[in-house]
């Protein structure tokens, strides 16, 4: 497995390796802070997604690139939502309402549609990995929105998307990002369990 990951970087530039490593580190930090319900989830995540936008643009993965750009914008939105407690009631972990579930479904399909149009705009030939990319983009973007609202269901979506993303990035030759999403999967499971404990404690108060 080590040889598999290392072989993908034989022709990579030092800049690409460095940037991918930084995206890896800040991405892990972001999920760690999300697990702890710490607002640092957003600045660390923002650094990771901005770097990833550049890397995916260089690799011509325009669907993923566009979604990471959207993730950057959603990080700014989430940062605002989590830090605006001085002007409104504190944002606490809750479950999605029926209305939020419906909006999440709309956002999922809207994201899929936009990602598909991005591929078409760049005249990129669509193959099976690209359709998987489009599907995962819908999952992740909806998860980002739920996280900004501190909805526990965001972790369910992250777990599903991460599991799919691990082999997807490995297939594309982005071994470090594949390993990152493997770690994301483990952290997302732990985060779900921690948020569920917090949610149950809040309900008992």
C-alpha atoms as a PDB file:
ATOM      1  CA  UNK A   1       0.000   0.000   0.000  1.00  0.00           C
ATOM      2  CA  UNK A   2       2.863   2.365   0.825  1.00  0.00           C
ATOM      3  CA  UNK A   3       4.409   1.721  -2.598  1.00  0.00           C
ATOM      4  CA  UNK A   4       1.031   2.432  -4.198  1.00  0.00           C
ATOM      5  CA  UNK A   5       0.807   5.861  -2.566  1.00  0.00           C
ATOM      6  CA  UNK A   6       4.458   6.790  -3.115  1.00  0.00           C
ATOM      7  CA  UNK A   7       4.467   5.759  -6.786  1.00  0.00           C
ATOM      8  CA  UNK A   8       1.824   8.396  -7.489  1.00  0.00           C
ATOM      9  CA  UNK A   9       4.226  11.182  -6.491  1.00  0.00           C
ATOM     10  CA  UNK A  10       7.294  10.179  -8.524  1.00  0.00           C
ATOM     11  CA  UNK A  11       6.526  12.766 -11.203  1.00  0.00           C
ATOM     12  CA  UNK A  12       4.892  15.301  -8.881  1.00  0.00           C
ATOM     13  CA  UNK A  13       6.523  18.658  -8.210  1.00  0.00           C
ATOM     14  CA  UNK A  14       7.677  19.692  -4.745  1.00  0.00           C
ATOM     15  CA  UNK A  15       5.006  22.414  -4.770  1.00  0.00           C
ATOM     16  CA  UNK A  16       2.215  19.912  -5.444  1.00  0.00           C
ATOM     17  CA  UNK A  17       3.425  17.549  -2.717  1.00  0.00           C
ATOM     18  CA  UNK A  18       3.757  20.410  -0.218  1.00  0.00           C
ATOM     19  CA  UNK A  19       0.321  21.820  -1.006  1.00  0.00           C
ATOM     20  CA  UNK A  20      -1.318  18.404  -0.839  1.00  0.00           C
ATOM     21  CA  UNK A  21       0.348  17.790   2.528  1.00  0.00           C
ATOM     22  CA  UNK A  22      -0.897  21.160   3.856  1.00  0.00           C
ATOM     23  CA  UNK A  23      -4.428  20.437   2.606  1.00  0.00           C
ATOM     24  CA  UNK A  24      -4.157  17.055   4.312  1.00  0.00           C
ATOM     25  CA  UNK A  25      -3.065  18.501   7.677  1.00  0.00           C
ATOM     26  CA  UNK A  26      -5.569  21.365   7.761  1.00  0.00           C
ATOM     27  CA  UNK A  27      -8.357  19.073   6.568  1.00  0.00           C
ATOM     28  CA  UNK A  28      -7.694  16.676   9.457  1.00  0.00           C
ATOM     29  CA  UNK A  29      -7.543  19.594  11.897  1.00  0.00           C
ATOM     30  CA  UNK A  30     -10.865  20.871  10.575  1.00  0.00           C
ATOM     31  CA  UNK A  31     -12.674  17.589  11.221  1.00  0.00           C
ATOM     32  CA  UNK A  32     -11.001  17.306  14.643  1.00  0.00           C
ATOM     33  CA  UNK A  33     -12.268  20.777  15.617  1.00  0.00           C
ATOM     34  CA  UNK A  34     -15.733  19.969  14.220  1.00  0.00           C
ATOM     35  CA  UNK A  35     -15.803  16.876  16.423  1.00  0.00           C
ATOM     36  CA  UNK A  36     -15.036  19.105  19.428  1.00  0.00           C
ATOM     37  CA  UNK A  37     -17.704  21.643  18.356  1.00  0.00           C
ATOM     38  CA  UNK A  38     -14.889  24.224  18.114  1.00  0.00           C
ATOM     39  CA  UNK A  39     -15.236  27.198  15.752  1.00  0.00           C
ATOM     40  CA  UNK A  40     -11.679  26.598  14.500  1.00  0.00           C
ATOM     41  CA  UNK A  41     -13.296  24.003  12.239  1.00  0.00           C
ATOM     42  CA  UNK A  42     -13.942  26.816   9.769  1.00  0.00           C
ATOM     43  CA  UNK A  43     -10.607  28.662   9.398  1.00  0.00           C
ATOM     44  CA  UNK A  44      -8.709  25.359   9.205  1.00  0.00           C
ATOM     45  CA  UNK A  45     -11.252  23.955   6.760  1.00  0.00           C
ATOM     46  CA  UNK A  46     -11.067  27.108   4.657  1.00  0.00           C
ATOM     47  CA  UNK A  47      -7.297  26.782   4.253  1.00  0.00           C
ATOM     48  CA  UNK A  48      -7.710  23.130   3.244  1.00  0.00           C
ATOM     49  CA  UNK A  49     -10.454  23.773   0.673  1.00  0.00           C
ATOM     50  CA  UNK A  50      -8.705  26.760  -0.935  1.00  0.00           C
ATOM     51  CA  UNK A  51      -5.544  24.683  -1.446  1.00  0.00           C
ATOM     52  CA  UNK A  52      -7.630  21.779  -2.731  1.00  0.00           C
ATOM     53  CA  UNK A  53      -9.345  24.062  -5.272  1.00  0.00           C
ATOM     54  CA  UNK A  54      -5.941  24.867  -6.755  1.00  0.00           C
ATOM     55  CA  UNK A  55      -4.793  21.228  -6.789  1.00  0.00           C
ATOM     56  CA  UNK A  56      -7.984  20.000  -8.442  1.00  0.00           C
ATOM     57  CA  UNK A  57      -7.819  22.788 -11.026  1.00  0.00           C
ATOM     58  CA  UNK A  58      -4.302  21.673 -11.910  1.00  0.00           C
ATOM     59  CA  UNK A  59      -5.550  18.078 -12.204  1.00  0.00           C
ATOM     60  CA  UNK A  60      -8.550  19.192 -14.350  1.00  0.00           C
ATOM     61  CA  UNK A  61     -11.094  17.740 -11.913  1.00  0.00           C
ATOM     62  CA  UNK A  62     -13.456  20.656 -12.416  1.00  0.00           C
ATOM     63  CA  UNK A  63     -16.428  19.132 -10.613  1.00  0.00           C
ATOM     64  CA  UNK A  64     -14.475  18.596  -7.405  1.00  0.00           C
ATOM     65  CA  UNK A  65     -12.798  21.969  -7.892  1.00  0.00           C
ATOM     66  CA  UNK A  66     -16.110  23.795  -8.105  1.00  0.00           C
ATOM     67  CA  UNK A  67     -17.506  21.995  -5.093  1.00  0.00           C
ATOM     68  CA  UNK A  68     -14.448  22.827  -2.998  1.00  0.00           C
ATOM     69  CA  UNK A  69     -14.955  26.446  -4.007  1.00  0.00           C
ATOM     70  CA  UNK A  70     -18.522  26.146  -2.727  1.00  0.00           C
ATOM     71  CA  UNK A  71     -17.188  24.474   0.432  1.00  0.00           C
ATOM     72  CA  UNK A  72     -14.987  27.531   0.963  1.00  0.00           C
ATOM     73  CA  UNK A  73     -18.023  29.798   0.729  1.00  0.00           C
ATOM     74  CA  UNK A  74     -19.990  27.507   3.039  1.00  0.00           C
ATOM     75  CA  UNK A  75     -17.091  27.600   5.527  1.00  0.00           C
ATOM     76  CA  UNK A  76     -17.408  31.379   5.640  1.00  0.00           C
ATOM     77  CA  UNK A  77     -21.173  31.015   6.182  1.00  0.00           C
ATOM     78  CA  UNK A  78     -20.688  28.414   8.906  1.00  0.00           C
ATOM     79  CA  UNK A  79     -18.004  30.540  10.543  1.00  0.00           C
ATOM     80  CA  UNK A  80     -20.518  33.401  10.705  1.00  0.00           C
ATOM     81  CA  UNK A  81     -23.316  31.163  12.046  1.00  0.00           C
ATOM     82  CA  UNK A  82     -21.146  29.654  14.784  1.00  0.00           C
ATOM     83  CA  UNK A  83     -19.699  33.033  15.833  1.00  0.00           C
ATOM     84  CA  UNK A  84     -22.892  35.107  15.835  1.00  0.00           C
ATOM     85  CA  UNK A  85     -24.132  33.835  19.202  1.00  0.00           C
ATOM     86  CA  UNK A  86     -23.659  37.255  20.815  1.00  0.00           C
ATOM     87  CA  UNK A  87     -26.597  38.621  18.803  1.00  0.00           C
ATOM     88  CA  UNK A  88     -28.935  35.626  18.971  1.00  0.00           C
ATOM     89  CA  UNK A  89     -29.536  32.451  21.067  1.00  0.00           C
ATOM     90  CA  UNK A  90     -26.579  30.099  21.175  1.00  0.00           C
ATOM     91  CA  UNK A  91     -26.455  27.645  18.289  1.00  0.00           C
ATOM     92  CA  UNK A  92     -26.659  24.148  19.779  1.00  0.00           C
ATOM     93  CA  UNK A  93     -26.579  20.635  18.335  1.00  0.00           C
ATOM     94  CA  UNK A  94     -30.020  19.504  17.200  1.00  0.00           C
ATOM     95  CA  UNK A  95     -31.659  17.106  14.754  1.00  0.00           C
ATOM     96  CA  UNK A  96     -33.019  18.311  11.434  1.00  0.00           C
ATOM     97  CA  UNK A  97     -36.671  19.279  11.255  1.00  0.00           C
ATOM     98  CA  UNK A  98     -38.958  17.955   8.519  1.00  0.00           C
ATOM     99  CA  UNK A  99     -38.517  21.265   6.668  1.00  0.00           C
ATOM    100  CA  UNK A 100     -34.716  21.080   6.898  1.00  0.00           C
ATOM    101  CA  UNK A 101     -34.769  17.495   5.600  1.00  0.00           C
ATOM    102  CA  UNK A 102     -36.761  18.626   2.565  1.00  0.00           C
ATOM    103  CA  UNK A 103     -34.426  21.569   1.995  1.00  0.00           C
ATOM    104  CA  UNK A 104     -31.467  19.190   2.306  1.00  0.00           C
ATOM    105  CA  UNK A 105     -32.893  16.957  -0.421  1.00  0.00           C
ATOM    106  CA  UNK A 106     -33.448  19.993  -2.664  1.00  0.00           C
ATOM    107  CA  UNK A 107     -29.880  21.173  -1.992  1.00  0.00           C
ATOM    108  CA  UNK A 108     -28.528  17.685  -2.758  1.00  0.00           C
ATOM    109  CA  UNK A 109     -30.169  17.497  -6.181  1.00  0.00           C
ATOM    110  CA  UNK A 110     -29.428  21.146  -6.948  1.00  0.00           C
ATOM    111  CA  UNK A 111     -25.744  20.524  -6.198  1.00  0.00           C
ATOM    112  CA  UNK A 112     -25.719  17.448  -8.432  1.00  0.00           C
ATOM    113  CA  UNK A 113     -27.243  19.499 -11.249  1.00  0.00           C
ATOM    114  CA  UNK A 114     -24.759  22.363 -10.871  1.00  0.00           C
ATOM    115  CA  UNK A 115     -21.771  19.999 -10.719  1.00  0.00           C
ATOM    116  CA  UNK A 116     -22.960  18.238 -13.867  1.00  0.00           C
ATOM    117  CA  UNK A 117     -23.279  21.583 -15.669  1.00  0.00           C
ATOM    118  CA  UNK A 118     -19.754  22.524 -14.563  1.00  0.00           C
ATOM    119  CA  UNK A 119     -18.383  19.406 -16.259  1.00  0.00           C
ATOM    120  CA  UNK A 120     -20.339  20.235 -19.380  1.00  0.00           C
ATOM    121  CA  UNK A 121     -19.138  23.851 -19.311  1.00  0.00           C
ATOM    122  CA  UNK A 122     -15.504  22.723 -19.339  1.00  0.00           C
ATOM    123  CA  UNK A 123     -16.311  20.120 -22.054  1.00  0.00           C
ATOM    124  CA  UNK A 124     -14.882  17.420 -19.805  1.00  0.00           C
ATOM    125  CA  UNK A 125     -15.729  13.852 -20.913  1.00  0.00           C
ATOM    126  CA  UNK A 126     -17.911  12.224 -18.284  1.00  0.00           C
ATOM    127  CA  UNK A 127     -16.911   8.745 -17.140  1.00  0.00           C
ATOM    128  CA  UNK A 128     -18.007   6.609 -14.203  1.00  0.00           C
ATOM    129  CA  UNK A 129     -15.612   8.329 -11.708  1.00  0.00           C
ATOM    130  CA  UNK A 130     -17.052  11.703 -12.736  1.00  0.00           C
ATOM    131  CA  UNK A 131     -20.621  10.578 -12.056  1.00  0.00           C
ATOM    132  CA  UNK A 132     -19.477   9.300  -8.655  1.00  0.00           C
ATOM    133  CA  UNK A 133     -17.834  12.681  -8.104  1.00  0.00           C
ATOM    134  CA  UNK A 134     -21.098  14.441  -8.951  1.00  0.00           C
ATOM    135  CA  UNK A 135     -23.039  12.247  -6.512  1.00  0.00           C
ATOM    136  CA  UNK A 136     -20.510  12.723  -3.684  1.00  0.00           C
ATOM    137  CA  UNK A 137     -20.491  16.477  -4.261  1.00  0.00           C
ATOM    138  CA  UNK A 138     -24.218  16.549  -3.499  1.00  0.00           C
ATOM    139  CA  UNK A 139     -23.671  14.598  -0.288  1.00  0.00           C
ATOM    140  CA  UNK A 140     -20.800  16.776   0.927  1.00  0.00           C
ATOM    141  CA  UNK A 141     -22.393  20.104   0.150  1.00  0.00           C
ATOM    142  CA  UNK A 142     -25.581  19.150   1.963  1.00  0.00           C
ATOM    143  CA  UNK A 143     -23.446  17.952   4.866  1.00  0.00           C
ATOM    144  CA  UNK A 144     -21.662  21.316   4.958  1.00  0.00           C
ATOM    145  CA  UNK A 145     -24.993  23.116   5.229  1.00  0.00           C
ATOM    146  CA  UNK A 146     -26.182  20.853   8.032  1.00  0.00           C
ATOM    147  CA  UNK A 147     -22.890  21.376   9.868  1.00  0.00           C
ATOM    148  CA  UNK A 148     -23.270  25.156   9.636  1.00  0.00           C
ATOM    149  CA  UNK A 149     -26.629  24.708  11.403  1.00  0.00           C
ATOM    150  CA  UNK A 150     -25.133  22.209  13.892  1.00  0.00           C
ATOM    151  CA  UNK A 151     -27.409  19.400  12.774  1.00  0.00           C
ATOM    152  CA  UNK A 152     -26.182  15.965  13.848  1.00  0.00           C
ATOM    153  CA  UNK A 153     -27.199  14.470  10.489  1.00  0.00           C
ATOM    154  CA  UNK A 154     -24.234  16.244   8.901  1.00  0.00           C
ATOM    155  CA  UNK A 155     -21.994  13.452  10.217  1.00  0.00           C
ATOM    156  CA  UNK A 156     -24.114  10.738   8.619  1.00  0.00           C
ATOM    157  CA  UNK A 157     -23.651  12.431   5.252  1.00  0.00           C
ATOM    158  CA  UNK A 158     -19.916  12.938   5.820  1.00  0.00           C
ATOM    159  CA  UNK A 159     -19.449   9.265   6.695  1.00  0.00           C
ATOM    160  CA  UNK A 160     -21.245   8.122   3.520  1.00  0.00           C
ATOM    161  CA  UNK A 161     -19.375  10.613   1.327  1.00  0.00           C
ATOM    162  CA  UNK A 162     -15.978   9.872   2.893  1.00  0.00           C
ATOM    163  CA  UNK A 163     -16.344   6.125   2.349  1.00  0.00           C
ATOM    164  CA  UNK A 164     -17.045   6.743  -1.338  1.00  0.00           C
ATOM    165  CA  UNK A 165     -14.266   9.362  -1.678  1.00  0.00           C
ATOM    166  CA  UNK A 166     -11.450   7.092  -0.406  1.00  0.00           C
ATOM    167  CA  UNK A 167     -11.278   4.796  -3.468  1.00  0.00           C
ATOM    168  CA  UNK A 168     -12.260   7.675  -5.786  1.00  0.00           C
ATOM    169  CA  UNK A 169      -9.208   9.790  -4.919  1.00  0.00           C
ATOM    170  CA  UNK A 170      -6.947   6.714  -4.880  1.00  0.00           C
ATOM    171  CA  UNK A 171      -8.099   5.874  -8.420  1.00  0.00           C
ATOM    172  CA  UNK A 172      -7.305   9.427  -9.509  1.00  0.00           C
ATOM    173  CA  UNK A 173      -3.748   9.214  -8.225  1.00  0.00           C
ATOM    174  CA  UNK A 174      -4.280  11.613  -5.300  1.00  0.00           C
ATOM    175  CA  UNK A 175      -3.035   9.201  -2.654  1.00  0.00           C
ATOM    176  CA  UNK A 176      -2.609  11.725   0.135  1.00  0.00           C
ATOM    177  CA  UNK A 177      -6.168  12.986  -0.294  1.00  0.00           C
ATOM    178  CA  UNK A 178      -7.396   9.379  -0.351  1.00  0.00           C
ATOM    179  CA  UNK A 179      -5.632   8.721   2.961  1.00  0.00           C
ATOM    180  CA  UNK A 180      -7.079  11.974   4.277  1.00  0.00           C
ATOM    181  CA  UNK A 181     -10.627  10.828   3.531  1.00  0.00           C
ATOM    182  CA  UNK A 182      -9.930   7.484   5.194  1.00  0.00           C
ATOM    183  CA  UNK A 183      -8.986   9.383   8.347  1.00  0.00           C
ATOM    184  CA  UNK A 184     -12.022  11.626   7.803  1.00  0.00           C
ATOM    185  CA  UNK A 185     -14.230   8.530   7.891  1.00  0.00           C
ATOM    186  CA  UNK A 186     -12.869   7.430  11.265  1.00  0.00           C
ATOM    187  CA  UNK A 187     -13.090  10.947  12.709  1.00  0.00           C
ATOM    188  CA  UNK A 188     -16.634  11.401  11.372  1.00  0.00           C
ATOM    189  CA  UNK A 189     -17.798   8.228  13.138  1.00  0.00           C
ATOM    190  CA  UNK A 190     -16.204   9.411  16.391  1.00  0.00           C
ATOM    191  CA  UNK A 191     -17.670  12.904  15.894  1.00  0.00           C
ATOM    192  CA  UNK A 192     -21.159  11.494  15.352  1.00  0.00           C
ATOM    193  CA  UNK A 193     -20.917   9.547  18.609  1.00  0.00           C
ATOM    194  CA  UNK A 194     -19.650  12.612  20.496  1.00  0.00           C
ATOM    195  CA  UNK A 195     -22.318  14.939  19.061  1.00  0.00           C
ATOM    196  CA  UNK A 196     -25.002  12.338  19.824  1.00  0.00           C
ATOM    197  CA  UNK A 197     -23.870  12.266  23.451  1.00  0.00           C
ATOM    198  CA  UNK A 198     -24.016  16.080  23.627  1.00  0.00           C
ATOM    199  CA  UNK A 199     -27.444  16.078  21.974  1.00  0.00           C
ATOM    200  CA  UNK A 200     -28.814  13.518  24.438  1.00  0.00           C
ATOM    201  CA  UNK A 201     -27.442  15.532  27.373  1.00  0.00           C
ATOM    202  CA  UNK A 202     -29.070  18.696  26.019  1.00  0.00           C
ATOM    203  CA  UNK A 203     -32.421  16.915  25.676  1.00  0.00           C
ATOM    204  CA  UNK A 204     -32.254  15.713  29.271  1.00  0.00           C
ATOM    205  CA  UNK A 205     -31.745  19.238  30.668  1.00  0.00           C
END
